[in-house]
C-alpha cells in the first residue's frame, strides 16, 4: 500500500532531522545498508549458481529402461539377421 503525500513528507522531515542531529547514526545506517545490499547480492549470485535442476529419480529410471530396451532390440535384430544370413548360406551351399 502506497503512502500518502503527507506521510512521505513527514518521513522526509524525520529523516532530515536525524541527519542534522546525529551524523554518526546516519553513517552507521548507510554502512549497515551497504553491507546488507552486498550480502543480498552475494546470496542471489550463490542461489543462481546453485540452482541447477536435477532430473528426478523416475526420469533417470525411465531413461535407463529405454536404453536397455533399445540395446535388447538391437541385439535381437543382429541375431536374427545373422541367423537369416547363415540360413541363406546353408541353402546356397546345399544347391
Protein backbone atom coordinates (compact mmCIF):
# COMPACT_ATOMS: atom_id res chain seq x y z
CA UNK A 1 0.00 0.00 0.00
CA UNK A 2 1.44 3.36 -1.03
CA UNK A 3 1.94 6.13 1.48
CA UNK A 4 0.11 9.40 1.20
CA UNK A 5 1.97 12.58 0.33
CA UNK A 6 1.60 13.81 3.91
CA UNK A 7 3.19 10.61 5.28
CA UNK A 8 6.05 10.83 2.79
CA UNK A 9 6.63 14.49 3.70
CA UNK A 10 6.65 13.66 7.42
CA UNK A 11 9.13 10.82 6.87
CA UNK A 12 11.37 13.13 4.86
CA UNK A 13 11.28 15.66 7.69
CA UNK A 14 12.12 13.00 10.29
CA UNK A 15 14.98 11.78 8.11
CA UNK A 16 16.33 15.31 7.73
CA UNK A 17 16.15 15.92 11.50
CA UNK A 18 18.06 12.67 12.13
CA UNK A 19 20.72 13.66 9.59
CA UNK A 20 21.09 17.06 11.22
CA UNK A 21 21.08 15.78 14.81
CA UNK A 22 23.28 12.67 14.57
CA UNK A 23 25.59 12.33 11.56
CA UNK A 24 27.29 9.30 13.18
CA UNK A 25 23.96 7.45 13.21
CA UNK A 26 23.49 8.27 9.51
CA UNK A 27 26.96 6.94 8.71
CA UNK A 28 26.28 3.74 10.65
CA UNK A 29 22.94 3.21 8.92
CA UNK A 30 24.45 3.81 5.49
CA UNK A 31 27.24 1.36 6.29
CA UNK A 32 24.71 -1.19 7.51
CA UNK A 33 22.54 -0.75 4.42
CA UNK A 34 25.59 -1.20 2.17
CA UNK A 35 26.58 -4.43 3.96
CA UNK A 36 23.03 -5.77 3.71
CA UNK A 37 22.90 -4.91 0.00
CA UNK A 38 26.23 -6.70 -0.65
CA UNK A 39 25.12 -9.70 1.39
CA UNK A 40 21.86 -9.94 -0.57
CA UNK A 41 23.75 -9.70 -3.88
CA UNK A 42 26.11 -12.50 -2.81
CA UNK A 43 23.18 -14.67 -1.74
CA UNK A 44 21.41 -14.09 -5.05
CA UNK A 45 24.57 -14.88 -7.02
CA UNK A 46 25.11 -18.06 -5.00
CA UNK A 47 21.49 -19.08 -5.45
CA UNK A 48 21.75 -18.60 -9.21
CA UNK A 49 24.92 -20.73 -9.36
CA UNK A 50 23.48 -23.49 -7.19
CA UNK A 51 20.07 -23.75 -8.84
CA UNK A 52 20.53 -26.43 -11.43
CA UNK A 53 17.51 -28.58 -11.91
CA UNK A 54 18.36 -32.18 -11.21
CA UNK A 55 16.46 -34.88 -13.03
CA UNK A 56 14.02 -36.79 -10.91
CA UNK A 57 14.80 -40.36 -9.96
CA UNK A 58 11.85 -41.59 -12.04
CA UNK A 59 13.21 -39.78 -15.11
CA UNK A 60 16.59 -41.46 -14.69
CA UNK A 61 14.96 -44.88 -14.25
CA UNK A 62 12.84 -44.41 -17.39
CA UNK A 63 15.89 -43.28 -19.39
CA UNK A 64 17.91 -46.32 -18.31
CA UNK A 65 14.95 -48.60 -19.09
CA UNK A 66 14.67 -47.18 -22.62
CA UNK A 67 18.39 -47.63 -23.16
CA UNK A 68 18.17 -51.26 -22.05
CA UNK A 69 15.17 -51.90 -24.30
CA UNK A 70 16.96 -50.32 -27.28
CA UNK A 71 20.04 -52.45 -26.60
CA UNK A 72 17.92 -55.59 -26.37
CA UNK A 73 16.10 -54.82 -29.62
CA UNK A 74 19.38 -54.09 -31.44
CA UNK A 75 20.90 -57.32 -30.14
CA UNK A 76 17.87 -59.36 -31.23
CA UNK A 77 17.92 -57.78 -34.70
CA UNK A 78 21.59 -58.60 -35.10
CA UNK A 79 20.98 -62.19 -34.02
CA UNK A 80 18.04 -62.60 -36.43
CA UNK A 81 19.95 -61.09 -39.35
CA UNK A 82 22.97 -63.30 -38.70
CA UNK A 83 20.73 -66.36 -38.45
CA UNK A 84 19.00 -65.49 -41.74
CA UNK A 85 22.37 -64.90 -43.41
CA UNK A 86 23.66 -68.25 -42.12
CA UNK A 87 20.49 -69.98 -43.30
CA UNK A 88 20.82 -68.40 -46.73
CA UNK A 89 24.44 -69.53 -46.96
CA UNK A 90 23.45 -73.05 -45.94
CA UNK A 91 20.75 -73.13 -48.61
CA UNK A 92 23.15 -71.81 -51.24
CA UNK A 93 25.75 -74.36 -50.27
CA UNK A 94 23.20 -77.16 -50.44
CA UNK A 95 22.37 -76.44 -54.07
